[in-house]
Amino acid sequence: IFTWESLACIITYVELCVSLDTHRSRHIRMLASMQLLDTQ
């Protein structure tokens, strides 16, 4: 169980970072659109 917990922790962290890097441009555009929506 503790071996699986250690592996799951590292694998999930790497998946998180890779996913955010893959959608970085889309993430930035989404945040900019949210800022612009409140202004309008």
PDB file of all heavy atoms in Angstrom:
ATOM      1  N   ILE A   1       0.829  -1.204   0.000  1.00  0.00           N
ATOM      2  CA  ILE A   1       0.000   0.000   0.000  1.00  0.00           C
ATOM      3  C   ILE A   1       0.867   1.259   0.000  1.00  0.00           C
ATOM      4  O   ILE A   1       0.623   2.207  -0.770  1.00  0.00           O
ATOM      5  CB  ILE A   1      -0.953  -0.024   1.208  1.00  0.00           C
ATOM      6  CG1 ILE A   1      -2.107  -0.991   0.942  1.00  0.00           C
ATOM      7  CG2 ILE A   1      -1.491   1.366   1.520  1.00  0.00           C
ATOM      8  CD1 ILE A   1      -3.048  -1.149   2.098  1.00  0.00           C
ATOM      9  N   PHE A   2       1.867   1.303   0.851  1.00  0.00           N
ATOM     10  CA  PHE A   2       2.714   2.492   0.893  1.00  0.00           C
ATOM     11  C   PHE A   2       3.558   2.623  -0.367  1.00  0.00           C
ATOM     12  O   PHE A   2       3.860   3.734  -0.807  1.00  0.00           O
ATOM     13  CB  PHE A   2       3.605   2.451   2.135  1.00  0.00           C
ATOM     14  CG  PHE A   2       2.940   3.001   3.368  1.00  0.00           C
ATOM     15  CD1 PHE A   2       2.338   2.170   4.295  1.00  0.00           C
ATOM     16  CD2 PHE A   2       2.889   4.372   3.581  1.00  0.00           C
ATOM     17  CE1 PHE A   2       1.712   2.671   5.415  1.00  0.00           C
ATOM     18  CE2 PHE A   2       2.263   4.885   4.710  1.00  0.00           C
ATOM     19  CZ  PHE A   2       1.673   4.035   5.624  1.00  0.00           C
ATOM     20  N   THR A   3       3.932   1.495  -0.973  1.00  0.00           N
ATOM     21  CA  THR A   3       4.633   1.559  -2.257  1.00  0.00           C
ATOM     22  C   THR A   3       3.733   2.150  -3.329  1.00  0.00           C
ATOM     23  O   THR A   3       4.146   3.014  -4.119  1.00  0.00           O
ATOM     24  CB  THR A   3       5.098   0.157  -2.678  1.00  0.00           C
ATOM     25  OG1 THR A   3       5.939  -0.385  -1.663  1.00  0.00           O
ATOM     26  CG2 THR A   3       5.860   0.212  -3.987  1.00  0.00           C
ATOM     27  N   TRP A   4       2.483   1.691  -3.365  1.00  0.00           N
ATOM     28  CA  TRP A   4       1.533   2.229  -4.330  1.00  0.00           C
ATOM     29  C   TRP A   4       1.245   3.702  -4.064  1.00  0.00           C
ATOM     30  O   TRP A   4       1.112   4.504  -5.000  1.00  0.00           O
ATOM     31  CB  TRP A   4       0.247   1.416  -4.285  1.00  0.00           C
ATOM     32  CG  TRP A   4      -0.898   2.081  -4.973  1.00  0.00           C
ATOM     33  CD1 TRP A   4      -2.033   2.543  -4.414  1.00  0.00           C
ATOM     34  CD2 TRP A   4      -1.007   2.370  -6.371  1.00  0.00           C
ATOM     35  NE1 TRP A   4      -2.852   3.103  -5.359  1.00  0.00           N
ATOM     36  CE2 TRP A   4      -2.250   3.015  -6.573  1.00  0.00           C
ATOM     37  CE3 TRP A   4      -0.174   2.159  -7.468  1.00  0.00           C
ATOM     38  CZ2 TRP A   4      -2.671   3.438  -7.820  1.00  0.00           C
ATOM     39  CZ3 TRP A   4      -0.602   2.584  -8.723  1.00  0.00           C
ATOM     40  CH2 TRP A   4      -1.835   3.210  -8.890  1.00  0.00           C
ATOM     41  N   GLU A   5       1.159   4.104  -2.807  1.00  0.00           N
ATOM     42  CA  GLU A   5       0.920   5.500  -2.464  1.00  0.00           C
ATOM     43  C   GLU A   5       2.060   6.381  -2.973  1.00  0.00           C
ATOM     44  O   GLU A   5       1.828   7.469  -3.525  1.00  0.00           O
ATOM     45  CB  GLU A   5       0.774   5.631  -0.950  1.00  0.00           C
ATOM     46  CG  GLU A   5       0.868   7.048  -0.401  1.00  0.00           C
ATOM     47  CD  GLU A   5      -0.304   7.915  -0.804  1.00  0.00           C
ATOM     48  OE1 GLU A   5      -1.326   7.362  -1.251  1.00  0.00           O
ATOM     49  OE2 GLU A   5      -0.185   9.149  -0.677  1.00  0.00           O
ATOM     50  N   SER A   6       3.294   5.916  -2.821  1.00  0.00           N
ATOM     51  CA  SER A   6       4.446   6.696  -3.296  1.00  0.00           C
ATOM     52  C   SER A   6       4.438   6.817  -4.814  1.00  0.00           C
ATOM     53  O   SER A   6       4.660   7.904  -5.368  1.00  0.00           O
ATOM     54  CB  SER A   6       5.742   6.036  -2.829  1.00  0.00           C
ATOM     55  OG  SER A   6       5.789   5.942  -1.414  1.00  0.00           O
ATOM     56  N   LEU A   7       4.161   5.707  -5.504  1.00  0.00           N
ATOM     57  CA  LEU A   7       4.125   5.743  -6.966  1.00  0.00           C
ATOM     58  C   LEU A   7       2.966   6.606  -7.462  1.00  0.00           C
ATOM     59  O   LEU A   7       3.132   7.400  -8.405  1.00  0.00           O
ATOM     60  CB  LEU A   7       3.998   4.323  -7.522  1.00  0.00           C
ATOM     61  CG  LEU A   7       5.221   3.416  -7.337  1.00  0.00           C
ATOM     62  CD1 LEU A   7       4.908   2.006  -7.836  1.00  0.00           C
ATOM     63  CD2 LEU A   7       6.427   3.983  -8.069  1.00  0.00           C
ATOM     64  N   ALA A   8       1.798   6.466  -6.847  1.00  0.00           N
ATOM     65  CA  ALA A   8       0.635   7.251  -7.270  1.00  0.00           C
ATOM     66  C   ALA A   8       0.872   8.738  -7.058  1.00  0.00           C
ATOM     67  O   ALA A   8       0.443   9.570  -7.876  1.00  0.00           O
ATOM     68  CB  ALA A   8      -0.610   6.800  -6.501  1.00  0.00           C
ATOM     69  N   CYS A   9       1.554   9.091  -5.979  1.00  0.00           N
ATOM     70  CA  CYS A   9       1.858  10.492  -5.703  1.00  0.00           C
ATOM     71  C   CYS A   9       2.727  11.092  -6.809  1.00  0.00           C
ATOM     72  O   CYS A   9       2.424  12.155  -7.353  1.00  0.00           O
ATOM     73  CB  CYS A   9       2.554  10.604  -4.350  1.00  0.00           C
ATOM     74  SG  CYS A   9       3.276  12.202  -3.998  1.00  0.00           S
ATOM     75  N   ILE A  10       3.804  10.398  -7.177  1.00  0.00           N
ATOM     76  CA  ILE A  10       4.714  10.916  -8.204  1.00  0.00           C
ATOM     77  C   ILE A  10       4.040  10.934  -9.568  1.00  0.00           C
ATOM     78  O   ILE A  10       4.133  11.917 -10.317  1.00  0.00           O
ATOM     79  CB  ILE A  10       5.999  10.067  -8.231  1.00  0.00           C
ATOM     80  CG1 ILE A  10       6.760  10.209  -6.908  1.00  0.00           C
ATOM     81  CG2 ILE A  10       6.894  10.481  -9.394  1.00  0.00           C
ATOM     82  CD1 ILE A  10       7.986   9.340  -6.811  1.00  0.00           C
ATOM     83  N   ILE A  11       3.346   9.840  -9.914  1.00  0.00           N
ATOM     84  CA  ILE A  11       2.715   9.751 -11.232  1.00  0.00           C
ATOM     85  C   ILE A  11       1.649  10.833 -11.398  1.00  0.00           C
ATOM     86  O   ILE A  11       1.571  11.501 -12.442  1.00  0.00           O
ATOM     87  CB  ILE A  11       2.120   8.348 -11.435  1.00  0.00           C
ATOM     88  CG1 ILE A  11       3.235   7.306 -11.537  1.00  0.00           C
ATOM     89  CG2 ILE A  11       1.249   8.307 -12.694  1.00  0.00           C
ATOM     90  CD1 ILE A  11       2.739   5.875 -11.562  1.00  0.00           C
ATOM     91  N   THR A  12       0.838  11.035 -10.370  1.00  0.00           N
ATOM     92  CA  THR A  12      -0.219  12.045 -10.463  1.00  0.00           C
ATOM     93  C   THR A  12       0.370  13.443 -10.557  1.00  0.00           C
ATOM     94  O   THR A  12      -0.141  14.295 -11.305  1.00  0.00           O
ATOM     95  CB  THR A  12      -1.152  11.950  -9.247  1.00  0.00           C
ATOM     96  OG1 THR A  12      -1.595  10.598  -9.094  1.00  0.00           O
ATOM     97  CG2 THR A  12      -2.348  12.851  -9.424  1.00  0.00           C
ATOM     98  N   TYR A  13       1.445  13.708  -9.830  1.00  0.00           N
ATOM     99  CA  TYR A  13       2.087  15.025  -9.893  1.00  0.00           C
ATOM    100  C   TYR A  13       2.653  15.277 -11.289  1.00  0.00           C
ATOM    101  O   TYR A  13       2.489  16.370 -11.841  1.00  0.00           O
ATOM    102  CB  TYR A  13       3.187  15.108  -8.840  1.00  0.00           C
ATOM    103  CG  TYR A  13       3.954  16.404  -8.855  1.00  0.00           C
ATOM    104  CD1 TYR A  13       3.409  17.551  -8.288  1.00  0.00           C
ATOM    105  CD2 TYR A  13       5.220  16.480  -9.430  1.00  0.00           C
ATOM    106  CE1 TYR A  13       4.109  18.747  -8.294  1.00  0.00           C
ATOM    107  CE2 TYR A  13       5.925  17.675  -9.443  1.00  0.00           C
ATOM    108  CZ  TYR A  13       5.363  18.801  -8.876  1.00  0.00           C
ATOM    109  OH  TYR A  13       6.055  19.992  -8.901  1.00  0.00           O
ATOM    110  N   VAL A  14       3.298  14.275 -11.867  1.00  0.00           N
ATOM    111  CA  VAL A  14       3.850  14.434 -13.225  1.00  0.00           C
ATOM    112  C   VAL A  14       2.727  14.629 -14.234  1.00  0.00           C
ATOM    113  O   VAL A  14       2.815  15.484 -15.140  1.00  0.00           O
ATOM    114  CB  VAL A  14       4.724  13.220 -13.578  1.00  0.00           C
ATOM    115  CG1 VAL A  14       5.152  13.287 -15.043  1.00  0.00           C
ATOM    116  CG2 VAL A  14       5.960  13.164 -12.680  1.00  0.00           C
ATOM    117  N   GLU A  15       1.650  13.852 -14.111  1.00  0.00           N
ATOM    118  CA  GLU A  15       0.501  14.022 -15.004  1.00  0.00           C
ATOM    119  C   GLU A  15      -0.099  15.415 -14.883  1.00  0.00           C
ATOM    120  O   GLU A  15      -0.473  16.033 -15.890  1.00  0.00           O
ATOM    121  CB  GLU A  15      -0.566  12.980 -14.681  1.00  0.00           C
ATOM    122  CG  GLU A  15      -0.208  11.569 -15.100  1.00  0.00           C
ATOM    123  CD  GLU A  15      -1.278  10.579 -14.719  1.00  0.00           C
ATOM    124  OE1 GLU A  15      -2.187  10.955 -13.934  1.00  0.00           O
ATOM    125  OE2 GLU A  15      -1.228   9.431 -15.198  1.00  0.00           O
ATOM    126  N   LEU A  16      -0.183  15.924 -13.661  1.00  0.00           N
ATOM    127  CA  LEU A  16      -0.719  17.265 -13.444  1.00  0.00           C
ATOM    128  C   LEU A  16       0.113  18.313 -14.158  1.00  0.00           C
ATOM    129  O   LEU A  16      -0.421  19.171 -14.877  1.00  0.00           O
ATOM    130  CB  LEU A  16      -0.774  17.539 -11.941  1.00  0.00           C
ATOM    131  CG  LEU A  16      -1.157  18.954 -11.508  1.00  0.00           C
ATOM    132  CD1 LEU A  16      -2.638  19.193 -11.759  1.00  0.00           C
ATOM    133  CD2 LEU A  16      -0.831  19.188 -10.043  1.00  0.00           C
ATOM    134  N   CYS A  17       1.422  18.248 -13.987  1.00  0.00           N
ATOM    135  CA  CYS A  17       2.303  19.243 -14.606  1.00  0.00           C
ATOM    136  C   CYS A  17       2.283  19.140 -16.121  1.00  0.00           C
ATOM    137  O   CYS A  17       2.243  20.159 -16.828  1.00  0.00           O
ATOM    138  CB  CYS A  17       3.729  19.072 -14.076  1.00  0.00           C
ATOM    139  SG  CYS A  17       3.908  19.387 -12.306  1.00  0.00           S
ATOM    140  N   VAL A  18       2.307  17.918 -16.644  1.00  0.00           N
ATOM    141  CA  VAL A  18       2.295  17.734 -18.097  1.00  0.00           C
ATOM    142  C   VAL A  18       0.991  18.251 -18.694  1.00  0.00           C
ATOM    143  O   VAL A  18       0.976  18.912 -19.747  1.00  0.00           O
ATOM    144  CB  VAL A  18       2.513  16.245 -18.453  1.00  0.00           C
ATOM    145  CG1 VAL A  18       2.284  16.000 -19.939  1.00  0.00           C
ATOM    146  CG2 VAL A  18       3.926  15.815 -18.076  1.00  0.00           C
ATOM    147  N   SER A  19      -0.137  17.972 -18.036  1.00  0.00           N
ATOM    148  CA  SER A  19      -1.429  18.435 -18.543  1.00  0.00           C
ATOM    149  C   SER A  19      -1.512  19.955 -18.544  1.00  0.00           C
ATOM    150  O   SER A  19      -1.982  20.567 -19.515  1.00  0.00           O
ATOM    151  CB  SER A  19      -2.555  17.839 -17.694  1.00  0.00           C
ATOM    152  OG  SER A  19      -3.806  18.313 -18.116  1.00  0.00           O
ATOM    153  N   LEU A  20      -1.049  20.591 -17.474  1.00  0.00           N
ATOM    154  CA  LEU A  20      -1.090  22.055 -17.415  1.00  0.00           C
ATOM    155  C   LEU A  20      -0.150  22.676 -18.437  1.00  0.00           C
ATOM    156  O   LEU A  20      -0.462  23.722 -19.021  1.00  0.00           O
ATOM    157  CB  LEU A  20      -0.736  22.522 -16.006  1.00  0.00           C
ATOM    158  CG  LEU A  20      -1.788  22.237 -14.927  1.00  0.00           C
ATOM    159  CD1 LEU A  20      -1.271  22.632 -13.561  1.00  0.00           C
ATOM    160  CD2 LEU A  20      -3.084  22.981 -15.231  1.00  0.00           C
ATOM    161  N   ASP A  21       1.010  22.063 -18.675  1.00  0.00           N
ATOM    162  CA  ASP A  21       1.915  22.578 -19.700  1.00  0.00           C
ATOM    163  C   ASP A  21       1.325  22.407 -21.097  1.00  0.00           C
ATOM    164  O   ASP A  21       1.492  23.275 -21.965  1.00  0.00           O
ATOM    165  CB  ASP A  21       3.266  21.852 -19.628  1.00  0.00           C
ATOM    166  CG  ASP A  21       4.068  22.271 -18.412  1.00  0.00           C
ATOM    167  OD1 ASP A  21       3.724  23.307 -17.805  1.00  0.00           O
ATOM    168  OD2 ASP A  21       5.031  21.563 -18.052  1.00  0.00           O
ATOM    169  N   THR A  22       0.630  21.302 -21.318  1.00  0.00           N
ATOM    170  CA  THR A  22       0.028  21.059 -22.627  1.00  0.00           C
ATOM    171  C   THR A  22      -1.048  22.094 -22.942  1.00  0.00           C
ATOM    172  O   THR A  22      -1.167  22.547 -24.093  1.00  0.00           O
ATOM    173  CB  THR A  22      -0.567  19.645 -22.683  1.00  0.00           C
ATOM    174  OG1 THR A  22       0.452  18.686 -22.372  1.00  0.00           O
ATOM    175  CG2 THR A  22      -1.126  19.344 -24.063  1.00  0.00           C
ATOM    176  N   HIS A  23      -1.831  22.470 -21.930  1.00  0.00           N
ATOM    177  CA  HIS A  23      -2.922  23.424 -22.132  1.00  0.00           C
ATOM    178  C   HIS A  23      -2.565  24.813 -21.600  1.00  0.00           C
ATOM    179  O   HIS A  23      -3.453  25.582 -21.225  1.00  0.00           O
ATOM    180  CB  HIS A  23      -4.188  22.925 -21.428  1.00  0.00           C
ATOM    181  CG  HIS A  23      -4.693  21.620 -21.932  1.00  0.00           C
ATOM    182  ND1 HIS A  23      -4.354  20.412 -21.356  1.00  0.00           N
ATOM    183  CD2 HIS A  23      -5.509  21.317 -22.982  1.00  0.00           C
ATOM    184  CE1 HIS A  23      -4.941  19.436 -22.006  1.00  0.00           C
ATOM    185  NE2 HIS A  23      -5.649  19.940 -22.993  1.00  0.00           N
ATOM    186  N   ARG A  24      -1.295  25.141 -21.582  1.00  0.00           N
ATOM    187  CA  ARG A  24      -0.880  26.426 -21.009  1.00  0.00           C
ATOM    188  C   ARG A  24      -1.457  27.603 -21.788  1.00  0.00           C
ATOM    189  O   ARG A  24      -2.022  28.533 -21.193  1.00  0.00           O
ATOM    190  CB  ARG A  24       0.645  26.517 -20.993  1.00  0.00           C
ATOM    191  CG  ARG A  24       1.176  27.855 -20.469  1.00  0.00           C
ATOM    192  CD  ARG A  24       2.691  27.792 -20.356  1.00  0.00           C
ATOM    193  NE  ARG A  24       3.295  27.425 -21.631  1.00  0.00           N
ATOM    194  CZ  ARG A  24       4.574  27.020 -21.755  1.00  0.00           C
ATOM    195  NH1 ARG A  24       5.333  26.920 -20.672  1.00  0.00           N
ATOM    196  NH2 ARG A  24       5.057  26.713 -22.932  1.00  0.00           N
ATOM    197  N   SER A  25      -1.360  27.584 -23.110  1.00  0.00           N
ATOM    198  CA  SER A  25      -1.884  28.696 -23.912  1.00  0.00           C
ATOM    199  C   SER A  25      -3.394  28.825 -23.745  1.00  0.00           C
ATOM    200  O   SER A  25      -3.932  29.937 -23.616  1.00  0.00           O
ATOM    201  CB  SER A  25      -1.527  28.488 -25.387  1.00  0.00           C
ATOM    202  OG  SER A  25      -0.131  28.435 -25.560  1.00  0.00           O
ATOM    203  N   ARG A  26      -4.079  27.702 -23.731  1.00  0.00           N
ATOM    204  CA  ARG A  26      -5.527  27.725 -23.539  1.00  0.00           C
ATOM    205  C   ARG A  26      -5.885  28.221 -22.152  1.00  0.00           C
ATOM    206  O   ARG A  26      -6.871  28.957 -21.983  1.00  0.00           O
ATOM    207  CB  ARG A  26      -6.083  26.320 -23.768  1.00  0.00           C
ATOM    208  CG  ARG A  26      -7.590  26.237 -23.854  1.00  0.00           C
ATOM    209  CD  ARG A  26      -8.034  24.823 -24.172  1.00  0.00           C
ATOM    210  NE  ARG A  26      -9.468  24.734 -24.360  1.00  0.00           N
ATOM    211  CZ  ARG A  26     -10.114  23.602 -24.629  1.00  0.00           C
ATOM    212  NH1 ARG A  26      -9.438  22.470 -24.748  1.00  0.00           N
ATOM    213  NH2 ARG A  26     -11.423  23.608 -24.782  1.00  0.00           N
ATOM    214  N   HIS A  27      -5.095  27.848 -21.165  1.00  0.00           N
ATOM    215  CA  HIS A  27      -5.307  28.301 -19.793  1.00  0.00           C
ATOM    216  C   HIS A  27      -5.154  29.816 -19.703  1.00  0.00           C
ATOM    217  O   HIS A  27      -5.988  30.508 -19.078  1.00  0.00           O
ATOM    218  CB  HIS A  27      -4.305  27.594 -18.880  1.00  0.00           C
ATOM    219  CG  HIS A  27      -4.654  27.669 -17.439  1.00  0.00           C
ATOM    220  ND1 HIS A  27      -3.969  26.976 -16.459  1.00  0.00           N
ATOM    221  CD2 HIS A  27      -5.605  28.380 -16.765  1.00  0.00           C
ATOM    222  CE1 HIS A  27      -4.489  27.235 -15.292  1.00  0.00           C
ATOM    223  NE2 HIS A  27      -5.466  28.099 -15.437  1.00  0.00           N
ATOM    224  N   ILE A  28      -4.130  30.352 -20.338  1.00  0.00           N
ATOM    225  CA  ILE A  28      -3.890  31.797 -20.297  1.00  0.00           C
ATOM    226  C   ILE A  28      -5.022  32.545 -20.997  1.00  0.00           C
ATOM    227  O   ILE A  28      -5.504  33.580 -20.507  1.00  0.00           O
ATOM    228  CB  ILE A  28      -2.522  32.115 -20.929  1.00  0.00           C
ATOM    229  CG1 ILE A  28      -1.390  31.586 -20.032  1.00  0.00           C
ATOM    230  CG2 ILE A  28      -2.360  33.608 -21.139  1.00  0.00           C
ATOM    231  CD1 ILE A  28      -0.010  31.735 -20.624  1.00  0.00           C
ATOM    232  N   ARG A  29      -5.467  32.029 -22.145  1.00  0.00           N
ATOM    233  CA  ARG A  29      -6.578  32.685 -22.863  1.00  0.00           C
ATOM    234  C   ARG A  29      -7.862  32.652 -22.033  1.00  0.00           C
ATOM    235  O   ARG A  29      -8.630  33.628 -22.021  1.00  0.00           O
ATOM    236  CB  ARG A  29      -6.816  31.997 -24.205  1.00  0.00           C
ATOM    237  CG  ARG A  29      -5.741  32.255 -25.240  1.00  0.00           C
ATOM    238  CD  ARG A  29      -6.232  31.875 -26.631  1.00  0.00           C
ATOM    239  NE  ARG A  29      -6.645  30.485 -26.685  1.00  0.00           N
ATOM    240  CZ  ARG A  29      -5.857  29.484 -27.026  1.00  0.00           C
ATOM    241  NH1 ARG A  29      -4.575  29.717 -27.316  1.00  0.00           N
ATOM    242  NH2 ARG A  29      -6.311  28.242 -27.070  1.00  0.00           N
ATOM    243  N   MET A  30      -8.101  31.551 -21.328  1.00  0.00           N
ATOM    244  CA  MET A  30      -9.291  31.462 -20.494  1.00  0.00           C
ATOM    245  C   MET A  30      -9.264  32.497 -19.378  1.00  0.00           C
ATOM    246  O   MET A  30     -10.272  33.179 -19.110  1.00  0.00           O
ATOM    247  CB  MET A  30      -9.403  30.054 -19.910  1.00  0.00           C
ATOM    248  CG  MET A  30     -10.617  29.848 -19.023  1.00  0.00           C
ATOM    249  SD  MET A  30     -10.575  28.292 -18.104  1.00  0.00           S
ATOM    250  CE  MET A  30      -9.253  28.648 -16.926  1.00  0.00           C
ATOM    251  N   LEU A  31      -8.137  32.638 -18.703  1.00  0.00           N
ATOM    252  CA  LEU A  31      -8.035  33.617 -17.616  1.00  0.00           C
ATOM    253  C   LEU A  31      -8.178  35.037 -18.137  1.00  0.00           C
ATOM    254  O   LEU A  31      -8.825  35.884 -17.495  1.00  0.00           O
ATOM    255  CB  LEU A  31      -6.691  33.442 -16.901  1.00  0.00           C
ATOM    256  CG  LEU A  31      -6.482  32.101 -16.183  1.00  0.00           C
ATOM    257  CD1 LEU A  31      -5.083  32.033 -15.593  1.00  0.00           C
ATOM    258  CD2 LEU A  31      -7.522  31.897 -15.093  1.00  0.00           C
ATOM    259  N   ALA A  32      -7.593  35.316 -19.307  1.00  0.00           N
ATOM    260  CA  ALA A  32      -7.742  36.653 -19.895  1.00  0.00           C
ATOM    261  C   ALA A  32      -9.198  36.925 -20.267  1.00  0.00           C
ATOM    262  O   ALA A  32      -9.693  38.052 -20.091  1.00  0.00           O
ATOM    263  CB  ALA A  32      -6.842  36.773 -21.122  1.00  0.00           C
ATOM    264  N   SER A  33      -9.911  35.921 -20.761  1.00  0.00           N
ATOM    265  CA  SER A  33     -11.322  36.091 -21.108  1.00  0.00           C
ATOM    266  C   SER A  33     -12.163  36.340 -19.864  1.00  0.00           C
ATOM    267  O   SER A  33     -13.124  37.128 -19.899  1.00  0.00           O
ATOM    268  CB  SER A  33     -11.837  34.853 -21.842  1.00  0.00           C
ATOM    269  OG  SER A  33     -11.130  34.655 -23.053  1.00  0.00           O
ATOM    270  N   MET A  34     -11.823  35.688 -18.759  1.00  0.00           N
ATOM    271  CA  MET A  34     -12.555  35.925 -17.515  1.00  0.00           C
ATOM    272  C   MET A  34     -12.346  37.348 -17.020  1.00  0.00           C
ATOM    273  O   MET A  34     -13.284  38.001 -16.532  1.00  0.00           O
ATOM    274  CB  MET A  34     -12.107  34.917 -16.454  1.00  0.00           C
ATOM    275  CG  MET A  34     -12.597  33.503 -16.709  1.00  0.00           C
ATOM    276  SD  MET A  34     -12.040  32.339 -15.438  1.00  0.00           S
ATOM    277  CE  MET A  34     -12.971  30.869 -15.901  1.00  0.00           C
ATOM    278  N   GLN A  35     -11.113  37.848 -17.126  1.00  0.00           N
ATOM    279  CA  GLN A  35     -10.858  39.235 -16.748  1.00  0.00           C
ATOM    280  C   GLN A  35     -11.660  40.195 -17.627  1.00  0.00           C
ATOM    281  O   GLN A  35     -12.257  41.150 -17.134  1.00  0.00           O
ATOM    282  CB  GLN A  35      -9.367  39.542 -16.875  1.00  0.00           C
ATOM    283  CG  GLN A  35      -8.477  38.822 -15.876  1.00  0.00           C
ATOM    284  CD  GLN A  35      -7.009  39.140 -16.081  1.00  0.00           C
ATOM    285  OE1 GLN A  35      -6.243  38.314 -16.548  1.00  0.00           O
ATOM    286  NE2 GLN A  35      -6.621  40.348 -15.761  1.00  0.00           N
ATOM    287  N   LEU A  36     -11.664  39.928 -18.931  1.00  0.00           N
ATOM    288  CA  LEU A  36     -12.361  40.815 -19.859  1.00  0.00           C
ATOM    289  C   LEU A  36     -13.868  40.775 -19.651  1.00  0.00           C
ATOM    290  O   LEU A  36     -14.548  41.795 -19.818  1.00  0.00           O
ATOM    291  CB  LEU A  36     -12.009  40.417 -21.296  1.00  0.00           C
ATOM    292  CG  LEU A  36     -12.572  41.297 -22.413  1.00  0.00           C
ATOM    293  CD1 LEU A  36     -12.049  42.726 -22.282  1.00  0.00           C
ATOM    294  CD2 LEU A  36     -12.214  40.718 -23.774  1.00  0.00           C
ATOM    295  N   LEU A  37     -14.409  39.637 -19.280  1.00  0.00           N
ATOM    296  CA  LEU A  37     -15.855  39.511 -19.068  1.00  0.00           C
ATOM    297  C   LEU A  37     -16.326  40.432 -17.954  1.00  0.00           C
ATOM    298  O   LEU A  37     -17.336  41.131 -18.101  1.00  0.00           O
ATOM    299  CB  LEU A  37     -16.200  38.062 -18.742  1.00  0.00           C
ATOM    300  CG  LEU A  37     -17.670  37.766 -18.443  1.00  0.00           C
ATOM    301  CD1 LEU A  37     -18.535  38.044 -19.664  1.00  0.00           C
ATOM    302  CD2 LEU A  37     -17.847  36.326 -17.964  1.00  0.00           C
ATOM    303  N   ASP A  38     -15.612  40.453 -16.848  1.00  0.00           N
ATOM    304  CA  ASP A  38     -16.008  41.331 -15.744  1.00  0.00           C
ATOM    305  C   ASP A  38     -15.944  42.791 -16.155  1.00  0.00           C
ATOM    306  O   ASP A  38     -16.807  43.601 -15.781  1.00  0.00           O
ATOM    307  CB  ASP A  38     -15.094  41.087 -14.543  1.00  0.00           C
ATOM    308  CG  ASP A  38     -15.455  39.814 -13.792  1.00  0.00           C
ATOM    309  OD1 ASP A  38     -16.373  39.106 -14.245  1.00  0.00           O
ATOM    310  OD2 ASP A  38     -14.802  39.515 -12.779  1.00  0.00           O
ATOM    311  N   THR A  39     -14.926  43.150 -16.929  1.00  0.00           N
ATOM    312  CA  THR A  39     -14.798  44.537 -17.374  1.00  0.00           C
ATOM    313  C   THR A  39     -15.974  44.946 -18.254  1.00  0.00           C
ATOM    314  O   THR A  39     -16.535  46.040 -18.101  1.00  0.00           O
ATOM    315  CB  THR A  39     -13.481  44.711 -18.150  1.00  0.00           C
ATOM    316  OG1 THR A  39     -12.389  44.314 -17.328  1.00  0.00           O
ATOM    317  CG2 THR A  39     -13.282  46.153 -18.569  1.00  0.00           C
ATOM    318  N   GLN A  40     -16.381  44.067 -19.156  1.00  0.00           N
ATOM    319  CA  GLN A  40     -17.476  44.399 -20.067  1.00  0.00           C
ATOM    320  C   GLN A  40     -18.824  44.401 -19.351  1.00  0.00           C
ATOM    321  O   GLN A  40     -19.700  45.216 -19.677  1.00  0.00           O
ATOM    322  CB  GLN A  40     -17.478  43.415 -21.231  1.00  0.00           C
ATOM    323  CG  GLN A  40     -16.258  43.550 -22.131  1.00  0.00           C
ATOM    324  CD  GLN A  40     -16.253  42.543 -23.267  1.00  0.00           C
ATOM    325  OE1 GLN A  40     -17.032  41.599 -23.276  1.00  0.00           O
ATOM    326  NE2 GLN A  40     -15.362  42.749 -24.229  1.00  0.00           N
TER     327      GLN A  40
END
